[in-house]
Amino acid sequence: MAVPVEQWIAVRRLLDQSRGALSLLAAQRYPASRLVPGSPFLALSVPSSPVPAADLRLSWAASPPFSVPAPDFLPFGFVTYSAAIASVEPVENRSCYRLLTVAGPQLTFGPGSLFDRLDTAEALAHEFCGGGTAFRDRLGDPFDLCGRSVIPDVQTLLVSRDGYFAPPTGQLPPAGADLPHLFDGSSFYLGVGLDPLPLSASILTVSVVDSLPDAAPFTPDAVSRFLRSEPVTPAGAAVLALALRHAALLL
């Protein structure tokens, strides 16, 4: 059922203001055993120890077809979430990497697009913000990477050998760059998982540098204070938790 555009925009504004709290609520829909301990991030594949980026095996394959259910919460005259966003925000479709499979240190990608991400991830977040779950329920298993187009970002945490850290940052890699250069050659792979609100994927990495001036101590207490006082995404909380778990190996 179509909704008035003013109502749709109001929900979108609320979503942008409330993503952190909504992710915590959405995480309660899934078994606690699927969460990265210390975060509301759903683990898709997490190795038992950090994997050097040089040891990752990245491959390319044709993306399988997928079908996304038609949302029933779009403004009048729109049939996709991306089209609705493009009517009110400056957004341009572009090619992106689509995550197809994850098997240990083997990650397979295929062609995807930014609008694929908007039509699934952003639509899921919008619906949940508005109090609905029908679209989410119709998508099925959130861990089925071939059931929808999953466009991952790369979350990177910087830590220094003298024991400090900088807040994690995320980047959506544009397709076209060589697969081996998706990750810094000196970084470590900590796993991949999903934000429970939009079910968007993040690849978690940590880069170790010699020093980080004016950074916070990389200790459990300091990280805990940071998580309580700063807005941090589920992926950001997960990469911090996993890096702390493996601090002795990383530093």
Protein backbone atom coordinates (compact mmCIF):
# COMPACT_ATOMS: atom_id res chain seq x y z
CA MET A 1 0.00 0.00 0.00
CA ALA A 2 1.47 3.36 -1.02
CA VAL A 3 1.96 6.02 1.64
CA PRO A 4 1.90 9.84 1.43
CA VAL A 5 5.32 11.20 0.52
CA GLU A 6 5.34 13.42 3.63
CA GLN A 7 4.93 10.34 5.83
CA TRP A 8 7.68 8.50 3.98
CA ILE A 9 10.09 11.43 4.36
CA ALA A 10 9.26 11.74 8.08
CA VAL A 11 10.13 8.08 8.67
CA ARG A 12 13.35 8.47 6.70
CA ARG A 13 14.36 11.46 8.82
CA LEU A 14 13.62 9.50 12.00
CA LEU A 15 15.70 6.62 10.64
CA ASP A 16 18.71 8.87 10.07
CA GLN A 17 18.41 10.14 13.66
CA SER A 18 17.91 6.73 15.30
CA ARG A 19 20.03 4.13 13.52
CA GLY A 20 22.02 3.16 16.61
CA ALA A 21 19.00 2.53 18.82
CA LEU A 22 17.13 0.78 16.00
CA SER A 23 20.07 -1.56 15.37
CA LEU A 24 19.99 -2.60 19.04
CA LEU A 25 16.27 -3.33 18.76
CA ALA A 26 16.68 -5.23 15.49
CA ALA A 27 19.45 -7.37 17.01
CA GLN A 28 16.90 -8.77 19.47
CA ARG A 29 15.15 -10.52 16.56
CA TYR A 30 18.12 -12.85 16.10
CA PRO A 31 19.71 -15.51 18.35
CA ALA A 32 22.30 -14.06 20.70
CA SER A 33 24.63 -16.86 19.60
CA ARG A 34 24.84 -15.24 16.14
CA LEU A 35 26.12 -11.91 17.52
CA VAL A 36 29.78 -10.98 17.80
CA PRO A 37 30.24 -10.85 21.61
CA GLY A 38 30.29 -7.28 22.85
CA SER A 39 28.34 -5.92 19.88
CA PRO A 40 24.94 -6.06 18.14
CA PHE A 41 26.65 -7.25 14.93
CA LEU A 42 25.53 -10.52 13.32
CA ALA A 43 28.50 -12.78 12.56
CA LEU A 44 28.49 -14.33 9.12
CA SER A 45 32.04 -15.68 9.19
CA VAL A 46 34.60 -14.89 11.89
CA PRO A 47 37.99 -16.68 11.88
CA SER A 48 39.46 -17.94 15.12
CA SER A 49 42.42 -15.58 14.69
CA PRO A 50 43.22 -12.59 12.48
CA VAL A 51 44.08 -13.41 8.87
CA PRO A 52 46.78 -11.31 7.19
CA ALA A 53 45.29 -9.52 4.20
CA ALA A 54 47.96 -11.10 2.00
CA ASP A 55 46.52 -14.54 2.86
CA LEU A 56 42.96 -13.70 1.80
CA ARG A 57 41.79 -15.39 -1.40
CA LEU A 58 39.55 -13.03 -3.35
CA SER A 59 37.76 -14.24 -6.46
CA TRP A 60 35.28 -12.92 -9.01
CA ALA A 61 32.17 -14.66 -10.36
CA ALA A 62 28.96 -13.89 -12.17
CA SER A 63 26.27 -12.62 -9.81
CA PRO A 64 23.22 -14.91 -9.65
CA PRO A 65 19.80 -13.38 -10.30
CA PHE A 66 17.69 -12.37 -7.31
CA SER A 67 14.21 -11.06 -6.72
CA VAL A 68 13.35 -8.49 -4.05
CA PRO A 69 9.73 -8.36 -2.85
CA ALA A 70 7.94 -5.13 -3.67
CA PRO A 71 7.80 -2.93 -0.53
CA ASP A 72 4.36 -1.73 0.50
CA PHE A 73 5.62 1.41 2.24
CA LEU A 74 6.78 3.53 -0.71
CA PRO A 75 5.33 6.90 -1.70
CA PHE A 76 2.70 7.03 -4.40
CA GLY A 77 4.16 6.53 -7.88
CA PHE A 78 7.31 4.60 -6.88
CA VAL A 79 8.03 0.88 -7.17
CA THR A 80 11.59 0.76 -5.77
CA TYR A 81 13.16 2.32 -2.68
CA SER A 82 16.12 3.63 -4.69
CA ALA A 83 13.80 5.56 -7.01
CA ALA A 84 12.04 7.10 -4.02
CA ILE A 85 15.35 8.20 -2.46
CA ALA A 86 16.62 9.60 -5.75
CA SER A 87 13.53 11.82 -5.92
CA VAL A 88 14.40 13.62 -2.67
CA GLU A 89 18.19 13.19 -2.26
CA PRO A 90 21.13 13.61 -4.65
CA VAL A 91 22.11 9.98 -5.20
CA GLU A 92 23.54 8.36 -8.31
CA ASN A 93 23.69 4.68 -9.07
CA ARG A 94 27.17 3.22 -9.49
CA SER A 95 28.80 -0.16 -9.81
CA CYS A 96 29.73 -1.89 -6.54
CA TYR A 97 31.10 -5.21 -5.40
CA ARG A 98 28.43 -7.74 -4.47
CA LEU A 99 29.43 -10.32 -1.86
CA LEU A 100 28.47 -13.81 -3.08
CA THR A 101 30.13 -16.32 -0.75
CA VAL A 102 32.38 -16.42 2.29
CA ALA A 103 34.28 -19.59 3.16
CA GLY A 104 37.06 -19.00 5.64
CA PRO A 105 39.67 -16.74 4.00
CA GLN A 106 37.97 -17.16 0.60
CA LEU A 107 35.66 -14.28 -0.41
CA THR A 108 33.86 -14.32 -3.74
CA PHE A 109 32.49 -11.14 -5.30
CA GLY A 110 30.37 -10.36 -8.32
CA PRO A 111 28.93 -7.27 -10.00
CA GLY A 112 26.33 -5.25 -8.11
CA SER A 113 25.15 -1.67 -7.81
CA LEU A 114 24.53 1.00 -5.20
CA PHE A 115 20.81 0.92 -5.96
CA ASP A 116 20.82 -2.81 -5.14
CA ARG A 117 21.94 -1.83 -1.65
CA LEU A 118 19.30 0.88 -1.33
CA ASP A 119 16.49 -1.40 -2.57
CA THR A 120 17.24 -3.98 0.12
CA ALA A 121 19.29 -2.62 3.04
CA GLU A 122 17.82 0.87 3.22
CA ALA A 123 14.32 -0.44 2.59
CA LEU A 124 14.71 -2.91 5.47
CA ALA A 125 15.91 -0.17 7.82
CA HIS A 126 13.09 2.18 6.76
CA GLU A 127 10.41 -0.45 7.30
CA PHE A 128 11.74 -1.37 10.76
CA CYS A 129 11.88 2.31 11.75
CA GLY A 130 8.23 2.60 10.76
CA GLY A 131 7.26 -0.37 12.92
CA GLY A 132 6.93 -3.03 10.21
CA THR A 133 8.67 -6.33 9.44
CA ALA A 134 6.69 -7.80 6.52
CA PHE A 135 9.35 -6.91 3.93
CA ARG A 136 12.07 -8.34 6.20
CA ASP A 137 10.10 -11.53 6.75
CA ARG A 138 9.53 -12.04 3.01
CA LEU A 139 13.26 -11.74 2.28
CA GLY A 140 13.89 -14.92 4.26
CA ASP A 141 17.24 -16.07 5.68
CA PRO A 142 19.39 -12.97 6.35
CA PHE A 143 22.55 -15.07 5.93
CA ASP A 144 21.61 -16.22 2.42
CA LEU A 145 23.90 -14.02 0.34
CA CYS A 146 22.39 -15.21 -2.93
CA GLY A 147 18.81 -14.42 -1.91
CA ARG A 148 19.42 -10.68 -2.30
CA SER A 149 22.18 -8.38 -3.47
CA VAL A 150 24.55 -7.81 -0.53
CA ILE A 151 26.87 -4.84 -1.16
CA PRO A 152 29.51 -4.81 1.62
CA ASP A 153 31.52 -1.96 3.00
CA VAL A 154 34.95 -2.34 4.57
CA GLN A 155 35.30 -1.29 8.21
CA THR A 156 38.87 -0.53 9.26
CA LEU A 157 40.21 0.00 12.76
CA LEU A 158 43.60 1.61 13.26
CA VAL A 159 45.67 0.44 16.24
CA SER A 160 49.26 1.29 17.07
CA ARG A 161 52.02 -0.95 18.29
CA ASP A 162 52.41 1.26 21.35
CA GLY A 163 48.81 0.54 22.39
CA TYR A 164 46.42 3.18 21.01
CA PHE A 165 43.47 3.19 18.62
CA ALA A 166 41.58 5.50 16.30
CA PRO A 167 37.81 5.15 15.77
CA PRO A 168 36.86 2.62 13.08
CA THR A 169 35.79 3.99 9.71
CA GLY A 170 33.78 2.48 6.89
CA GLN A 171 34.20 2.72 3.14
CA LEU A 172 32.06 1.38 0.29
CA PRO A 173 34.63 0.28 -2.31
CA PRO A 174 33.73 1.24 -5.88
CA ALA A 175 33.83 -1.63 -8.35
CA GLY A 176 36.59 -1.41 -10.88
CA ALA A 177 39.49 -1.44 -8.45
CA ASP A 178 41.49 -4.65 -8.57
CA LEU A 179 40.22 -7.19 -6.06
CA PRO A 180 43.64 -7.66 -4.42
CA HIS A 181 43.67 -3.95 -3.58
CA LEU A 182 40.38 -3.98 -1.68
CA PHE A 183 42.39 -4.25 1.53
CA ASP A 184 45.56 -2.59 2.75
CA GLY A 185 48.39 -5.09 2.35
CA SER A 186 49.47 -4.56 5.97
CA SER A 187 45.98 -5.07 7.44
CA PHE A 188 44.33 -8.07 9.05
CA TYR A 189 40.95 -9.59 8.26
CA LEU A 190 38.77 -10.20 11.32
CA GLY A 191 35.59 -11.46 9.64
CA VAL A 192 32.40 -10.40 7.95
CA GLY A 193 28.87 -9.93 9.26
CA LEU A 194 25.63 -8.00 9.10
CA ASP A 195 24.16 -4.94 10.74
CA PRO A 196 20.86 -6.32 12.10
CA LEU A 197 18.89 -3.22 11.07
CA PRO A 198 19.52 -3.04 7.29
CA LEU A 199 21.14 -6.50 7.05
CA SER A 200 23.97 -4.82 5.14
CA ALA A 201 27.34 -6.54 5.26
CA SER A 202 30.63 -5.19 6.57
CA ILE A 203 34.07 -6.72 6.11
CA LEU A 204 36.03 -6.12 9.31
CA THR A 205 39.73 -5.26 9.13
CA VAL A 206 42.38 -3.82 11.41
CA SER A 207 45.55 -2.01 10.36
CA VAL A 208 48.53 -1.84 12.70
CA VAL A 209 50.71 1.28 12.57
CA ASP A 210 53.71 2.42 14.55
CA SER A 211 51.99 5.26 16.43
CA LEU A 212 48.75 7.24 16.63
CA PRO A 213 49.26 10.71 18.14
CA ASP A 214 46.44 11.97 20.37
CA ALA A 215 44.60 8.64 20.19
CA ALA A 216 42.83 6.73 22.96
CA PRO A 217 44.48 3.82 24.81
CA PHE A 218 43.62 0.46 23.30
CA THR A 219 42.49 -1.14 26.54
CA PRO A 220 39.18 -2.79 27.51
CA ASP A 221 38.27 0.08 29.84
CA ALA A 222 39.07 2.81 27.31
CA VAL A 223 37.22 1.01 24.52
CA SER A 224 34.22 0.49 26.80
CA ARG A 225 34.14 4.21 27.64
CA PHE A 226 34.40 5.04 23.95
CA LEU A 227 31.46 2.78 23.07
CA ARG A 228 29.32 4.35 25.81
CA SER A 229 30.12 7.94 24.87
CA GLU A 230 30.38 7.92 21.06
CA PRO A 231 27.97 6.87 18.30
CA VAL A 232 29.41 3.65 16.92
CA THR A 233 27.89 1.39 14.27
CA PRO A 234 27.36 -2.32 15.01
CA ALA A 235 30.25 -3.09 12.64
CA GLY A 236 32.44 -0.58 14.45
CA ALA A 237 31.62 -2.15 17.81
CA ALA A 238 32.35 -5.60 16.39
CA VAL A 239 35.74 -4.70 14.92
CA LEU A 240 36.74 -3.14 18.25
CA ALA A 241 35.61 -6.22 20.19
CA LEU A 242 37.42 -8.64 17.87
CA ALA A 243 40.60 -6.56 17.78
CA LEU A 244 40.66 -6.45 21.60
CA ARG A 245 40.19 -10.23 21.67
CA HIS A 246 43.25 -10.64 19.47
CA ALA A 247 45.33 -7.72 20.79
CA ALA A 248 48.20 -9.97 21.83
CA LEU A 249 48.50 -11.30 18.27
CA LEU A 250 48.05 -7.95 16.57
CA LEU A 251 50.45 -5.82 18.60
